[in-house]
């Protein structure tokens, strides 16, 4: 498995931007598809974005399309989530995750397809 540590969360106002980072260690980072998920209080964990092992393919949840951008740097063992035009409904704990599953899309969207998870970072967007 790979160990993951998220950073970059915080308290921002609606319309602001944040960039989350997820640093990986352990197994070969480039062998994993990477995903970002989020979980708001009382809600299920939700797929936000995913990127293929090479970084060449990405996919997004409907609620963040056009506002969030996922990317990865395999030389730094890091995946990023650039979040623009943040909205109060984006408030949640954000988790990065690694998947060894090969899919036709960029990355799996189901939590059960991810074997490694970070501890999460809180993002709070005020109106």
Protein backbone atom coordinates (compact mmCIF):
# COMPACT_ATOMS: atom_id res chain seq x y z
CA UNK A 1 0.00 0.00 0.00
CA UNK A 2 0.89 3.63 -0.31
CA UNK A 3 0.73 6.14 2.54
CA UNK A 4 -1.06 9.42 1.84
CA UNK A 5 -1.01 12.79 3.61
CA UNK A 6 -3.28 15.65 2.54
CA UNK A 7 -2.65 19.34 3.14
CA UNK A 8 -3.94 22.72 2.01
CA UNK A 9 -7.39 22.84 3.51
CA UNK A 10 -8.73 25.87 5.32
CA UNK A 11 -11.46 28.45 5.74
CA UNK A 12 -12.24 30.58 2.69
CA UNK A 13 -15.07 32.71 1.36
CA UNK A 14 -17.37 31.82 -1.49
CA UNK A 15 -15.66 32.50 -4.82
CA UNK A 16 -12.17 31.95 -3.44
CA UNK A 17 -9.70 29.27 -4.51
CA UNK A 18 -7.72 26.61 -2.67
CA UNK A 19 -5.21 24.02 -3.75
CA UNK A 20 -5.07 20.73 -1.93
CA UNK A 21 -2.00 18.53 -2.05
CA UNK A 22 -1.61 14.86 -1.30
CA UNK A 23 1.88 13.50 -0.74
CA UNK A 24 2.43 9.78 -1.20
CA UNK A 25 5.09 7.47 0.16
CA UNK A 26 5.67 3.75 0.15
CA UNK A 27 4.90 1.78 -2.98
CA UNK A 28 5.50 3.13 -6.47
CA UNK A 29 3.22 6.16 -6.75
CA UNK A 30 2.99 6.06 -10.53
CA UNK A 31 1.42 2.63 -10.37
CA UNK A 32 -1.78 4.00 -8.86
CA UNK A 33 -4.74 5.92 -10.13
CA UNK A 34 -5.52 8.69 -7.67
CA UNK A 35 -8.80 10.14 -6.52
CA UNK A 36 -10.15 12.93 -4.37
CA UNK A 37 -13.29 12.36 -2.36
CA UNK A 38 -15.15 14.51 0.12
CA UNK A 39 -17.52 13.93 2.97
CA UNK A 40 -19.80 16.50 4.53
CA UNK A 41 -21.44 15.96 7.95
CA UNK A 42 -24.29 13.51 7.70
CA UNK A 43 -23.55 12.64 4.08
CA UNK A 44 -21.85 9.77 2.30
CA UNK A 45 -18.34 10.07 0.95
CA UNK A 46 -18.56 11.54 -2.56
CA UNK A 47 -16.26 11.18 -5.57
CA UNK A 48 -14.81 14.55 -6.54
CA UNK A 49 -12.09 13.89 -9.10
CA UNK A 50 -9.78 11.19 -10.36
CA UNK A 51 -6.60 11.01 -12.43
CA UNK A 52 -5.00 8.09 -14.23
CA UNK A 53 -1.60 6.73 -13.24
CA UNK A 54 0.10 8.74 -15.97
CA UNK A 55 -1.88 11.91 -15.40
CA UNK A 56 -3.15 11.84 -18.94
CA UNK A 57 -6.80 11.22 -18.13
CA UNK A 58 -9.07 12.86 -15.60
CA UNK A 59 -12.69 12.65 -14.54
CA UNK A 60 -14.85 14.77 -12.25
CA UNK A 61 -18.00 14.60 -10.24
CA UNK A 62 -20.85 16.58 -11.75
CA UNK A 63 -20.93 19.09 -8.90
CA UNK A 64 -17.34 20.23 -9.45
CA UNK A 65 -16.94 20.07 -13.24
CA UNK A 66 -15.53 23.30 -14.60
CA UNK A 67 -14.41 24.51 -11.15
CA UNK A 68 -11.96 21.87 -9.88
CA UNK A 69 -8.85 20.52 -11.57
CA UNK A 70 -6.95 17.40 -10.56
CA UNK A 71 -3.34 16.86 -11.53
CA UNK A 72 -0.37 14.81 -10.43
CA UNK A 73 3.39 15.06 -10.47
CA UNK A 74 4.90 11.58 -10.41
CA UNK A 75 8.38 13.03 -9.90
CA UNK A 76 7.18 14.50 -6.59
CA UNK A 77 4.81 11.67 -5.64
CA UNK A 78 2.07 14.24 -5.24
CA UNK A 79 -1.48 14.73 -6.48
CA UNK A 80 -3.20 18.10 -6.43
CA UNK A 81 -6.74 19.40 -6.42
CA UNK A 82 -7.11 22.98 -7.58
CA UNK A 83 -10.46 24.28 -6.41
CA UNK A 84 -11.76 27.51 -7.93
CA UNK A 85 -14.98 29.44 -7.45
CA UNK A 86 -15.65 27.62 -4.21
CA UNK A 87 -19.20 27.43 -2.92
CA UNK A 88 -20.56 26.85 0.58
CA UNK A 89 -21.77 23.42 -0.55
CA UNK A 90 -18.13 22.46 -1.17
CA UNK A 91 -17.61 22.45 2.59
CA UNK A 92 -16.42 18.98 3.61
CA UNK A 93 -13.47 16.91 4.69
CA UNK A 94 -11.46 16.12 1.57
CA UNK A 95 -9.63 12.82 1.23
CA UNK A 96 -7.17 11.59 -1.33
CA UNK A 97 -7.03 7.92 -2.18
CA UNK A 98 -4.98 5.51 -4.27
CA UNK A 99 -6.32 2.71 -6.43
CA UNK A 100 -4.44 -0.13 -8.09
CA UNK A 101 -7.51 -0.97 -10.17
CA UNK A 102 -7.21 -0.45 -13.91
CA UNK A 103 -10.35 1.10 -15.39
CA UNK A 104 -11.32 2.36 -18.81
CA UNK A 105 -11.89 5.82 -17.43
CA UNK A 106 -9.25 7.86 -15.63
CA UNK A 107 -9.87 6.42 -12.20
CA UNK A 108 -12.51 4.50 -10.26
CA UNK A 109 -15.36 6.45 -8.71
CA UNK A 110 -16.33 3.98 -6.00
CA UNK A 111 -14.72 4.16 -2.58
CA UNK A 112 -14.40 0.38 -2.40
CA UNK A 113 -12.01 0.44 -5.35
CA UNK A 114 -9.46 2.43 -3.37
CA UNK A 115 -7.12 0.63 -1.02
CA UNK A 116 -5.24 3.54 0.54
CA UNK A 117 -6.65 6.70 2.07
CA UNK A 118 -5.27 9.83 3.67
CA UNK A 119 -6.48 11.25 6.96
CA UNK A 120 -8.41 14.08 5.31
CA UNK A 121 -8.21 17.86 5.31
CA UNK A 122 -11.06 20.19 6.20
CA UNK A 123 -12.32 22.71 3.66
CA UNK A 124 -14.85 25.26 4.88
CA UNK A 125 -16.42 27.79 2.53
CA UNK A 126 -18.36 30.64 4.08
CA UNK A 127 -21.06 32.53 2.24
